[in-house]
Amino acid sequence: MGREAVARAFADIRAALAVLNAEVDGCGSEPFSAADPLAGLADGSLDILAGAAAVEAGVAGLKARAAMKYADTAHALAPPGMPVQAQEMAVAAEIGCVLAIGPRAASAFLSVSHALTTTLPLTLAALQAGTISWQHARGMADEAATLDPAGAAALEAHFLDPDTPRPAGAATIGEMPAHRFKHKARTWRERHHPESLEKRHTKAVADRRVEYRPDQDGMAWLSACLPAHQALAGWNRLNALARAAQGPHEPRTLTQIRADHFAEAILTSGTSSGSSRGSGDSSSVRADTSAGAGAGTDPAGLSSRIRAQVLVTVPVLTLMGLTDEPAMLDGYGPIPASMARDLVANGADAFHRVLVDPRDGAPLEIGRTSYRVTKAMRNWLRLRDGQCPFPGCSNSSLDNEADHLLAWHHGGTTGISNLGQPCPKHHKLRHTTGWKPTPATKNQPPGWTSPTGRHYKSEHQDWEPPHWPSRLKLGTADFLHTAQSPGEDALERFLRARA
């Protein structure tokens, strides 16, 4: 049975999906309603949507159980003496690659799955029955994470035990959006946690942090986890400043003004003259309404703007204003040409003008026969990979470590084609578990082979040939010949000749 039974079960699921897709298209063997086919199709589509949500929840429960069963068997099969932390890293890496999710998401998935299969039986049962979603289950696991077993059981029972008294007309947790359930669960947890909120808050303050996430079209998110009163006071202050700036001659929206004030505040040096005090009322937090410290002497904050600390690769023709080809900001991705020019003109500390292969836009290969990886080679490596090459990892290249794919003592050379740049976590994974990188090339980072023998491809940079202005008509061969000539800078010589 085994694998054959699994294959048949998933084949049946796919066949059922084909039937349901036909029903959604109105191509079933008979209409939902002969009297009113259109209304019947609408009602039937909602039935399918509700049924799909329940099946999704059941599949989520199945995934959680399968993941933990794999984790248990992987630990049992691990070589004697293998560190537990290394085993856990290997398991998370395998799960992440199978599900095509990043390392952080894989660890979070395994954490929730472990909670569901060990300490939250009612939640797992509800998930498998389709009465709650994965988002609800994750919310339950998050709130139960810091509770002892008795507290977690009480939290579960309050929301999922059918014998728990509740108003007849009250929605069950599966009938409300997951974020609303999470709010309710958090409220219950705050009230019933065995440790006082004051003590927990003191500990939580130590975990305050700021996080960064790239977005589309040259934008990114910058968010902060702060004590609630500070966050609320900051939000209220931004609102007050934005509303004060509004007027008949102000073209920006309230949202845009808030964002501009926020950016101005964090891009100026110094500290606020105000201080945080009180019990959480936003009025108890005092802060200067200027952009930064010393506003009395520098109202606009222009002299104290922080210069960009970046590694930015700008096509030379873009920098000269001849094309608008995007530049590459390390840790983010493509940025507009105007942003790149501004970074270079106004103080970007790490700027590399890169000569790329005109045929495909990839950085040119460089090699070296000594073990030591030079700074220039590290920069080329960063340009090739852009980030840690492990599948799903987005760790910025500036934080990664050069690593010989074929070890030096096994005959490996020091060249781009034999180098990877895994982040510290995946560098450790490579040397403490059965995960191994596969060969690389001058423009493709290494893939990875897991201890189970499965190969997972690495994410590659989307190199494109440089964009040439229409007035610059020069073939690839001519350019390469020019670039190989000794003496002055080839590109400058070429541009001057074509001007």
Protein backbone atom coordinates (compact mmCIF):
# COMPACT_ATOMS: atom_id res chain seq x y z
CA MET A 1 0.00 0.00 0.00
CA GLY A 2 2.00 2.98 1.31
CA ARG A 3 2.98 5.25 -1.55
CA GLU A 4 0.43 3.69 -3.91
CA ALA A 5 -2.38 4.48 -1.49
CA VAL A 6 -1.12 8.07 -1.14
CA ALA A 7 -0.91 8.46 -4.92
CA ARG A 8 -4.47 7.10 -5.38
CA ALA A 9 -5.83 9.40 -2.67
CA PHE A 10 -4.31 12.50 -4.27
CA ALA A 11 -5.51 11.33 -7.71
CA ASP A 12 -9.04 11.14 -6.29
CA ILE A 13 -8.63 14.64 -4.87
CA ARG A 14 -7.52 15.97 -8.25
CA ALA A 15 -10.48 14.25 -9.91
CA ALA A 16 -12.81 15.84 -7.36
CA LEU A 17 -11.25 19.24 -8.07
CA ALA A 18 -11.93 18.75 -11.77
CA VAL A 19 -15.59 18.06 -11.00
CA LEU A 20 -15.84 21.13 -8.77
CA ASN A 21 -14.15 23.34 -11.37
CA ALA A 22 -16.68 22.17 -13.93
CA GLU A 23 -19.48 23.05 -11.53
CA VAL A 24 -18.02 26.53 -10.99
CA ASP A 25 -17.99 26.98 -14.78
CA GLY A 26 -21.65 25.94 -14.94
CA CYS A 27 -20.72 22.85 -16.95
CA GLY A 28 -21.90 20.21 -14.50
CA SER A 29 -24.17 17.33 -15.45
CA GLU A 30 -27.18 19.25 -14.14
CA PRO A 31 -27.77 22.87 -13.00
CA PHE A 32 -27.89 23.86 -9.36
CA SER A 33 -31.46 25.08 -9.94
CA ALA A 34 -33.61 24.30 -12.95
CA ALA A 35 -36.07 27.05 -12.05
CA ASP A 36 -33.45 29.82 -11.80
CA PRO A 37 -30.08 28.63 -13.18
CA LEU A 38 -28.24 31.92 -12.57
CA ALA A 39 -29.32 32.21 -8.93
CA GLY A 40 -28.62 28.52 -8.49
CA LEU A 41 -25.10 28.94 -9.86
CA ALA A 42 -24.44 31.84 -7.50
CA ASP A 43 -25.68 29.84 -4.51
CA GLY A 44 -23.79 26.77 -5.62
CA SER A 45 -20.58 28.76 -5.98
CA LEU A 46 -20.87 29.84 -2.36
CA ASP A 47 -21.39 26.21 -1.35
CA ILE A 48 -18.21 25.33 -3.21
CA LEU A 49 -16.35 28.22 -1.58
CA ALA A 50 -17.47 27.14 1.89
CA GLY A 51 -16.64 23.54 1.17
CA ALA A 52 -13.24 24.52 -0.21
CA ALA A 53 -12.47 26.47 2.97
CA ALA A 54 -13.31 23.43 5.07
CA VAL A 55 -11.19 21.17 2.88
CA GLU A 56 -8.32 23.68 3.01
CA ALA A 57 -8.48 23.54 6.79
CA GLY A 58 -8.47 19.75 6.73
CA VAL A 59 -5.49 19.75 4.38
CA ALA A 60 -3.72 22.23 6.69
CA GLY A 61 -4.24 19.81 9.57
CA LEU A 62 -2.89 16.99 7.41
CA LYS A 63 0.18 19.04 6.53
CA ALA A 64 0.83 19.78 10.19
CA ARG A 65 0.63 16.10 11.11
CA ALA A 66 2.76 15.02 8.14
CA ALA A 67 5.40 17.62 8.97
CA MET A 68 5.68 16.46 12.56
CA LYS A 69 5.76 12.80 11.51
CA TYR A 70 8.64 13.63 9.17
CA ALA A 71 10.39 15.54 11.96
CA ASP A 72 10.04 12.59 14.34
CA THR A 73 11.35 10.06 11.83
CA ALA A 74 14.18 12.37 10.74
CA HIS A 75 15.33 12.71 14.35
CA ALA A 76 15.18 8.94 14.75
CA LEU A 77 17.26 8.45 11.58
CA ALA A 78 19.86 11.10 12.44
CA PRO A 79 23.45 9.89 12.86
CA PRO A 80 24.55 9.27 16.45
CA GLY A 81 26.02 12.34 18.08
CA MET A 82 24.43 14.81 15.66
CA PRO A 83 23.56 17.99 17.63
CA VAL A 84 19.86 18.51 18.25
CA GLN A 85 20.02 22.06 16.92
CA ALA A 86 21.57 20.80 13.70
CA GLN A 87 18.83 18.17 13.37
CA GLU A 88 16.17 20.84 13.79
CA MET A 89 17.83 23.08 11.21
CA ALA A 90 17.97 20.19 8.73
CA VAL A 91 14.30 19.34 9.28
CA ALA A 92 13.21 22.96 8.85
CA ALA A 93 15.30 23.25 5.70
CA GLU A 94 13.73 20.14 4.17
CA ILE A 95 10.18 21.20 5.04
CA GLY A 96 10.81 24.69 3.70
CA CYS A 97 12.08 23.36 0.39
CA VAL A 98 9.22 20.88 -0.03
CA LEU A 99 6.64 23.59 0.61
CA ALA A 100 8.64 26.28 -1.26
CA ILE A 101 8.61 28.66 1.70
CA GLY A 102 11.41 30.59 3.35
CA PRO A 103 13.38 29.43 6.41
CA ARG A 104 11.52 31.72 8.80
CA ALA A 105 8.14 30.59 7.48
CA ALA A 106 9.21 26.95 7.69
CA SER A 107 10.29 27.33 11.32
CA ALA A 108 7.03 29.11 12.15
CA PHE A 109 5.02 26.37 10.42
CA LEU A 110 6.86 23.67 12.35
CA SER A 111 6.37 25.55 15.61
CA VAL A 112 2.60 25.78 15.10
CA SER A 113 2.45 22.18 13.90
CA HIS A 114 4.28 21.02 17.02
CA ALA A 115 1.89 22.94 19.26
CA LEU A 116 -1.16 21.53 17.49
CA THR A 117 0.03 17.93 17.67
CA THR A 118 1.29 18.03 21.25
CA THR A 119 -0.55 20.57 23.40
CA LEU A 120 -3.61 21.77 21.44
CA PRO A 121 -5.67 18.67 20.59
CA LEU A 122 -9.00 20.53 20.41
CA THR A 123 -7.55 23.03 17.97
CA LEU A 124 -6.12 20.30 15.75
CA ALA A 125 -9.44 18.43 15.80
CA ALA A 126 -11.34 21.59 14.82
CA LEU A 127 -8.85 22.29 12.04
CA GLN A 128 -9.15 18.76 10.65
CA ALA A 129 -12.93 18.99 10.86
CA GLY A 130 -12.84 22.22 8.88
CA THR A 131 -14.56 24.35 11.51
CA ILE A 132 -11.60 26.71 11.92
CA SER A 133 -8.93 27.84 9.47
CA TRP A 134 -5.16 27.55 9.64
CA GLN A 135 -5.05 31.26 10.55
CA HIS A 136 -7.29 30.58 13.55
CA ALA A 137 -5.13 27.63 14.60
CA ARG A 138 -1.99 29.71 14.26
CA GLY A 139 -3.55 32.44 16.39
CA MET A 140 -4.40 29.89 19.07
CA ALA A 141 -0.85 28.53 19.01
CA ASP A 142 0.64 32.04 19.23
CA GLU A 143 -1.41 32.93 22.30
CA ALA A 144 -0.80 29.55 23.98
CA ALA A 145 2.96 29.64 23.34
CA THR A 146 3.84 31.32 26.64
CA LEU A 147 1.26 29.48 28.75
CA ASP A 148 1.91 26.35 30.79
CA PRO A 149 0.04 23.17 29.74
CA ALA A 150 -2.84 23.91 32.11
CA GLY A 151 -3.16 27.45 30.82
CA ALA A 152 -3.08 26.30 27.18
CA ALA A 153 -5.77 23.72 27.91
CA ALA A 154 -7.93 26.36 29.60
CA LEU A 155 -7.51 28.73 26.65
CA GLU A 156 -8.51 25.99 24.21
CA ALA A 157 -11.47 24.92 26.30
CA HIS A 158 -12.79 28.45 26.60
CA PHE A 159 -13.16 28.75 22.84
CA LEU A 160 -13.51 25.17 21.56
CA ASP A 161 -14.95 22.94 24.29
CA PRO A 162 -18.65 22.45 23.44
CA ASP A 163 -19.46 22.24 27.17
CA THR A 164 -18.14 25.75 27.83
CA PRO A 165 -21.17 28.05 28.41
CA ARG A 166 -21.53 30.77 25.77
CA PRO A 167 -24.41 32.89 24.47
CA ALA A 168 -26.59 31.00 22.03
CA GLY A 169 -26.26 33.70 19.37
CA ALA A 170 -22.50 34.12 19.71
CA ALA A 171 -20.33 33.27 16.72
CA THR A 172 -17.92 30.42 17.17
CA ILE A 173 -14.29 31.24 16.55
CA GLY A 174 -14.51 29.62 13.12
CA GLU A 175 -17.32 31.96 12.16
CA MET A 176 -15.36 35.12 12.80
CA PRO A 177 -12.29 36.45 10.99
CA ALA A 178 -9.07 35.08 12.39
CA HIS A 179 -7.81 38.52 13.44
CA ARG A 180 -10.88 39.05 15.55
CA PHE A 181 -10.44 35.68 17.20
CA LYS A 182 -6.81 36.51 17.89
CA HIS A 183 -7.92 39.70 19.62
CA LYS A 184 -10.32 37.71 21.79
CA ALA A 185 -7.72 35.06 22.56
CA ARG A 186 -5.15 37.71 23.45
CA THR A 187 -7.63 39.40 25.77
CA TRP A 188 -8.35 36.10 27.49
CA ARG A 189 -4.66 35.35 27.79
CA GLU A 190 -3.88 38.75 29.33
CA ARG A 191 -6.57 38.22 31.93
CA HIS A 192 -5.73 34.63 32.85
CA HIS A 193 -1.99 34.45 32.41
CA PRO A 194 -0.36 33.14 35.64
CA GLU A 195 2.32 35.82 35.44
CA SER A 196 1.31 39.44 35.85
CA LEU A 197 1.06 41.64 32.78
CA GLU A 198 3.49 44.10 34.36
CA LYS A 199 6.23 41.46 34.56
CA ARG A 200 5.51 40.19 31.05
CA HIS A 201 5.56 43.71 29.66
CA THR A 202 8.94 44.38 31.25
CA LYS A 203 10.31 41.29 29.51
CA ALA A 204 8.61 42.17 26.22
CA VAL A 205 10.13 45.64 26.16
CA ALA A 206 13.52 43.98 25.84
CA ASP A 207 12.34 42.51 22.52
CA ARG A 208 11.46 45.86 20.96
CA ARG A 209 12.69 46.00 17.39
CA VAL A 210 12.41 47.51 13.95
CA GLU A 211 11.86 45.37 10.88
CA TYR A 212 12.34 46.04 7.16
CA ARG A 213 10.53 44.40 4.23
CA PRO A 214 11.02 45.20 0.52
CA ASP A 215 7.95 45.97 -1.58
CA GLN A 216 7.26 46.73 -5.23
CA ASP A 217 8.05 49.75 -7.41
CA GLY A 218 11.01 51.04 -5.45
CA MET A 219 9.18 51.02 -2.10
CA ALA A 220 9.68 49.17 1.19
CA TRP A 221 8.02 48.76 4.59
CA LEU A 222 9.69 49.83 7.83
CA SER A 223 7.81 48.76 10.95
CA ALA A 224 8.57 48.86 14.65
CA CYS A 225 7.47 46.74 17.59
CA LEU A 226 7.31 49.18 20.49
CA PRO A 227 5.64 49.48 23.88
CA ALA A 228 1.98 50.06 23.11
CA HIS A 229 1.81 53.58 24.54
CA GLN A 230 4.80 54.71 22.52
CA ALA A 231 3.42 53.21 19.32
CA LEU A 232 0.01 54.75 19.90
CA ALA A 233 1.49 58.11 20.83
CA GLY A 234 3.68 58.04 17.75
CA TRP A 235 0.70 57.24 15.56
CA ASN A 236 -1.34 60.00 17.13
CA ARG A 237 1.49 62.48 16.73
CA LEU A 238 1.88 61.63 13.06
CA ASN A 239 -1.85 62.14 12.62
CA ALA A 240 -1.73 65.49 14.41
CA LEU A 241 1.23 66.70 12.36
CA ALA A 242 -0.38 65.54 9.14
CA ARG A 243 -3.68 67.20 9.90
CA ALA A 244 -1.94 70.43 10.88
CA ALA A 245 -0.17 70.45 7.53
CA GLN A 246 -3.38 70.10 5.55
CA GLY A 247 -4.78 73.15 3.86
CA PRO A 248 -6.13 74.51 0.59
CA HIS A 249 -2.63 74.69 -0.91
CA GLU A 250 -1.39 71.29 0.31
CA PRO A 251 -1.58 68.76 -2.55
CA ARG A 252 -0.59 65.71 -0.48
CA THR A 253 -3.11 63.36 1.07
CA LEU A 254 -3.21 62.75 4.81
CA THR A 255 -1.60 59.35 4.26
CA GLN A 256 1.23 60.88 2.22
CA ILE A 257 1.89 63.61 4.79
CA ARG A 258 2.07 61.03 7.58
CA ALA A 259 4.62 59.02 5.60
CA ASP A 260 6.69 62.13 4.85
CA HIS A 261 6.80 63.16 8.52
CA PHE A 262 7.77 59.63 9.53
CA ALA A 263 10.61 59.50 7.00
CA GLU A 264 11.86 62.94 8.01
CA ALA A 265 11.87 61.97 11.68
CA ILE A 266 13.93 58.81 11.27
CA LEU A 267 16.38 60.27 8.74
CA THR A 268 17.63 63.03 11.02
CA SER A 269 20.23 62.59 13.74
CA GLY A 270 19.89 63.28 17.44
CA THR A 271 17.32 62.42 20.05
CA SER A 272 14.00 63.92 21.02
CA SER A 273 13.89 66.43 23.83
CA GLY A 274 10.78 64.78 25.16
CA SER A 275 10.48 61.68 27.30
CA SER A 276 8.10 58.79 27.74
CA ARG A 277 6.13 58.61 30.97
CA GLY A 278 2.73 57.75 32.33
CA SER A 279 0.51 54.68 32.08
CA GLY A 280 -0.13 54.46 28.38
CA ASP A 281 -2.32 57.46 27.59
CA SER A 282 -0.95 59.04 24.43
CA SER A 283 -1.10 62.45 26.11
CA SER A 284 1.51 61.32 28.63
CA VAL A 285 4.21 61.02 25.96
CA ARG A 286 5.97 64.26 25.17
CA ALA A 287 7.87 64.67 21.93
CA ASP A 288 9.18 67.60 19.95
CA THR A 289 7.01 68.17 16.88
CA SER A 290 10.03 68.95 14.73
CA ALA A 291 11.72 66.41 12.47
CA GLY A 292 14.59 65.72 14.83
CA ALA A 293 16.73 66.94 17.67
CA GLY A 294 18.01 70.45 17.67
CA ALA A 295 15.04 71.65 15.67
CA GLY A 296 15.43 75.12 17.04
CA THR A 297 18.70 75.59 15.22
CA ASP A 298 17.89 73.50 12.17
CA PRO A 299 14.13 73.45 11.61
CA ALA A 300 14.28 71.58 8.34
CA GLY A 301 16.75 69.00 9.62
CA LEU A 302 18.69 69.31 6.37
CA SER A 303 22.17 69.42 7.91
CA SER A 304 21.61 66.29 9.98
CA ARG A 305 20.21 63.93 7.37
CA ILE A 306 21.80 60.51 7.61
CA ARG A 307 23.76 59.49 4.55
CA ALA A 308 22.75 56.23 2.91
CA GLN A 309 24.77 53.17 3.89
CA VAL A 310 24.24 51.02 0.81
CA LEU A 311 25.79 48.73 -1.73
CA VAL A 312 24.28 49.91 -4.99
CA THR A 313 25.15 48.72 -8.48
CA VAL A 314 24.28 51.33 -11.09
CA PRO A 315 24.69 50.83 -14.85
CA VAL A 316 27.07 53.56 -15.98
CA LEU A 317 24.72 54.72 -18.74
CA THR A 318 21.97 55.07 -16.13
CA LEU A 319 24.28 57.11 -13.91
CA MET A 320 25.08 59.39 -16.85
CA GLY A 321 21.38 59.92 -17.53
CA LEU A 322 21.54 58.25 -20.95
CA THR A 323 19.13 55.48 -19.95
CA ASP A 324 16.65 54.86 -17.14
CA GLU A 325 17.66 51.26 -16.59
CA PRO A 326 17.05 50.27 -12.94
CA ALA A 327 19.94 49.96 -10.52
CA MET A 328 20.25 47.21 -7.91
CA LEU A 329 20.14 48.03 -4.22
CA ASP A 330 21.62 45.20 -2.19
CA GLY A 331 19.10 43.71 0.20
CA TYR A 332 16.19 45.13 -1.76
CA GLY A 333 16.38 44.69 -5.51
CA PRO A 334 15.73 47.01 -8.48
CA ILE A 335 15.37 50.71 -7.70
CA PRO A 336 14.50 53.60 -10.04
CA ALA A 337 17.32 55.30 -11.88
CA SER A 338 16.52 58.61 -10.19
CA MET A 339 16.86 57.02 -6.75
CA ALA A 340 20.19 55.47 -7.74
CA ARG A 341 21.54 58.80 -9.00
CA ASP A 342 20.45 60.48 -5.78
CA LEU A 343 22.14 57.81 -3.64
CA VAL A 344 25.39 58.19 -5.53
CA ALA A 345 25.25 61.99 -5.63
CA ASN A 346 24.27 62.46 -1.99
CA GLY A 347 26.59 60.29 -0.03
CA ALA A 348 26.12 56.57 -0.61
CA ASP A 349 29.23 55.17 1.07
CA ALA A 350 29.53 51.93 -0.89
CA PHE A 351 29.15 52.47 -4.62
CA HIS A 352 30.44 49.99 -7.16
CA ARG A 353 30.51 50.75 -10.85
CA VAL A 354 30.28 47.29 -12.35
CA LEU A 355 31.33 46.20 -15.84
CA VAL A 356 28.92 43.42 -16.83
CA ASP A 357 28.88 41.02 -19.74
CA PRO A 358 27.01 42.80 -22.58
CA ARG A 359 25.67 39.46 -23.81
CA ASP A 360 23.62 38.60 -20.73
CA GLY A 361 24.26 41.30 -18.13
CA ALA A 362 25.96 38.90 -15.68
CA PRO A 363 29.03 39.98 -13.69
CA LEU A 364 32.27 38.77 -15.29
CA GLU A 365 34.05 35.80 -13.72
CA ILE A 366 37.21 36.39 -11.74
CA GLY A 367 39.40 33.71 -10.19
CA ARG A 368 42.41 33.28 -7.94
CA THR A 369 44.68 30.40 -7.09
CA SER A 370 45.19 31.28 -3.43
CA TYR A 371 42.82 30.28 -0.61
CA ARG A 372 42.13 33.85 0.50
CA VAL A 373 38.98 35.40 -0.94
CA THR A 374 39.75 39.01 -1.80
CA LYS A 375 37.44 41.93 -1.21
CA ALA A 376 36.94 42.30 -4.96
CA MET A 377 35.91 38.64 -5.24
CA ARG A 378 33.49 39.00 -2.36
CA ASN A 379 31.88 41.93 -4.15
CA TRP A 380 31.57 39.89 -7.35
CA LEU A 381 30.06 37.05 -5.33
CA ARG A 382 27.48 39.38 -3.82
CA LEU A 383 26.61 40.69 -7.24
CA ARG A 384 26.15 37.17 -8.60
CA ASP A 385 23.93 35.88 -5.80
CA GLY A 386 22.30 38.99 -4.34
CA GLN A 387 21.47 37.06 -1.15
CA CYS A 388 22.03 33.74 0.58
CA PRO A 389 21.57 31.11 -2.15
CA PHE A 390 19.71 28.63 0.05
CA PRO A 391 16.16 28.14 -1.33
CA GLY A 392 13.77 30.67 0.18
CA CYS A 393 16.40 32.55 2.21
CA SER A 394 16.43 36.32 1.72
CA ASN A 395 19.33 37.16 4.00
CA SER A 396 21.13 40.20 2.61
CA SER A 397 24.41 39.52 0.83
CA LEU A 398 26.34 41.98 3.03
CA ASP A 399 25.74 39.65 5.99
CA ASN A 400 26.82 36.43 4.27
CA GLU A 401 30.04 34.42 4.30
CA ALA A 402 32.20 33.27 1.36
CA ASP A 403 32.42 29.48 1.31
CA HIS A 404 34.33 27.04 -0.95
CA LEU A 405 31.84 24.63 -2.54
CA LEU A 406 34.55 22.03 -3.14
CA ALA A 407 36.76 22.33 -0.09
CA TRP A 408 40.24 23.77 -0.56
CA HIS A 409 41.85 20.70 1.03
CA HIS A 410 39.95 18.50 -1.45
CA GLY A 411 41.37 20.36 -4.45
CA GLY A 412 38.86 23.17 -4.73
CA THR A 413 40.03 26.46 -6.22
CA THR A 414 39.29 29.99 -5.12
CA GLY A 415 37.15 31.33 -7.95
CA ILE A 416 33.61 32.57 -8.40
CA SER A 417 32.51 29.20 -9.86
CA ASN A 418 33.66 27.40 -6.70
CA LEU A 419 32.31 29.89 -4.18
CA GLY A 420 28.99 30.32 -2.44
CA GLN A 421 27.94 32.95 0.05
CA PRO A 422 25.53 31.32 2.51
CA CYS A 423 24.23 33.28 5.45
CA PRO A 424 25.64 32.22 8.85
CA LYS A 425 22.65 29.97 9.50
CA HIS A 426 22.90 28.05 6.23
CA HIS A 427 26.70 28.02 6.36
CA LYS A 428 26.35 26.18 9.64
CA LEU A 429 23.67 23.95 8.12
CA ARG A 430 26.08 22.91 5.37
CA HIS A 431 28.86 21.94 7.81
CA THR A 432 26.76 20.32 10.55
CA THR A 433 24.13 18.37 8.59
CA GLY A 434 23.78 16.38 5.40
CA TRP A 435 22.75 19.43 3.36
CA LYS A 436 25.28 20.06 0.58
CA PRO A 437 25.58 22.81 -2.06
CA THR A 438 25.82 21.82 -5.71
CA PRO A 439 28.22 23.33 -8.28
CA ALA A 440 27.90 26.99 -9.28
CA THR A 441 28.92 28.97 -12.35
CA LYS A 442 30.04 32.54 -12.95
CA ASN A 443 26.42 33.78 -13.03
CA GLN A 444 24.45 31.09 -11.19
CA PRO A 445 24.69 30.42 -7.44
CA PRO A 446 24.79 26.86 -6.14
CA GLY A 447 21.70 24.78 -5.57
CA TRP A 448 21.32 22.44 -2.62
CA THR A 449 20.89 18.72 -2.09
CA SER A 450 19.12 17.63 1.07
CA PRO A 451 20.00 14.60 3.20
CA THR A 452 17.11 12.74 1.53
CA GLY A 453 18.72 13.18 -1.88
CA ARG A 454 16.25 15.77 -3.18
CA HIS A 455 17.75 18.62 -5.16
CA TYR A 456 16.45 22.15 -4.65
CA LYS A 457 17.32 24.94 -7.03
CA SER A 458 18.59 28.25 -5.77
CA GLU A 459 17.04 31.55 -6.73
CA HIS A 460 19.00 33.20 -9.52
CA GLN A 461 19.44 36.85 -10.30
CA ASP A 462 17.41 38.07 -13.26
CA TRP A 463 20.30 39.34 -15.29
CA GLU A 464 19.44 41.25 -18.47
CA PRO A 465 21.67 42.73 -21.15
CA PRO A 466 22.38 46.43 -20.60
CA HIS A 467 20.06 48.86 -22.37
CA TRP A 468 21.91 50.86 -24.98
CA PRO A 469 20.64 54.26 -26.14
CA SER A 470 19.59 54.20 -29.79
CA ARG A 471 22.42 56.55 -30.81
CA LEU A 472 25.03 54.13 -29.50
CA LYS A 473 25.35 51.52 -32.22
CA LEU A 474 28.13 49.14 -31.34
CA GLY A 475 28.16 45.38 -31.60
CA THR A 476 28.99 43.09 -28.71
CA ALA A 477 32.22 41.93 -30.33
CA ASP A 478 33.42 45.51 -30.82
CA PHE A 479 32.66 46.37 -27.22
CA LEU A 480 34.43 43.30 -25.88
CA HIS A 481 37.45 44.11 -28.05
CA THR A 482 37.43 47.66 -26.67
CA ALA A 483 37.01 46.43 -23.10
CA GLN A 484 40.05 44.17 -23.43
CA SER A 485 42.35 46.96 -24.64
CA PRO A 486 44.98 48.01 -22.08
CA GLY A 487 45.35 51.51 -20.74
CA GLU A 488 42.57 53.90 -19.84
CA ASP A 489 39.09 52.87 -18.78
CA ALA A 490 37.45 50.99 -21.63
CA LEU A 491 33.94 52.24 -21.04
CA GLU A 492 35.02 55.87 -20.81
CA ARG A 493 37.02 55.44 -24.02
CA PHE A 494 34.05 53.86 -25.74
CA LEU A 495 31.60 56.56 -24.63
CA ARG A 496 33.92 59.32 -25.73
CA ALA A 497 34.33 57.68 -29.14
CA ARG A 498 30.59 57.35 -29.62
CA ALA A 499 29.64 60.82 -28.36
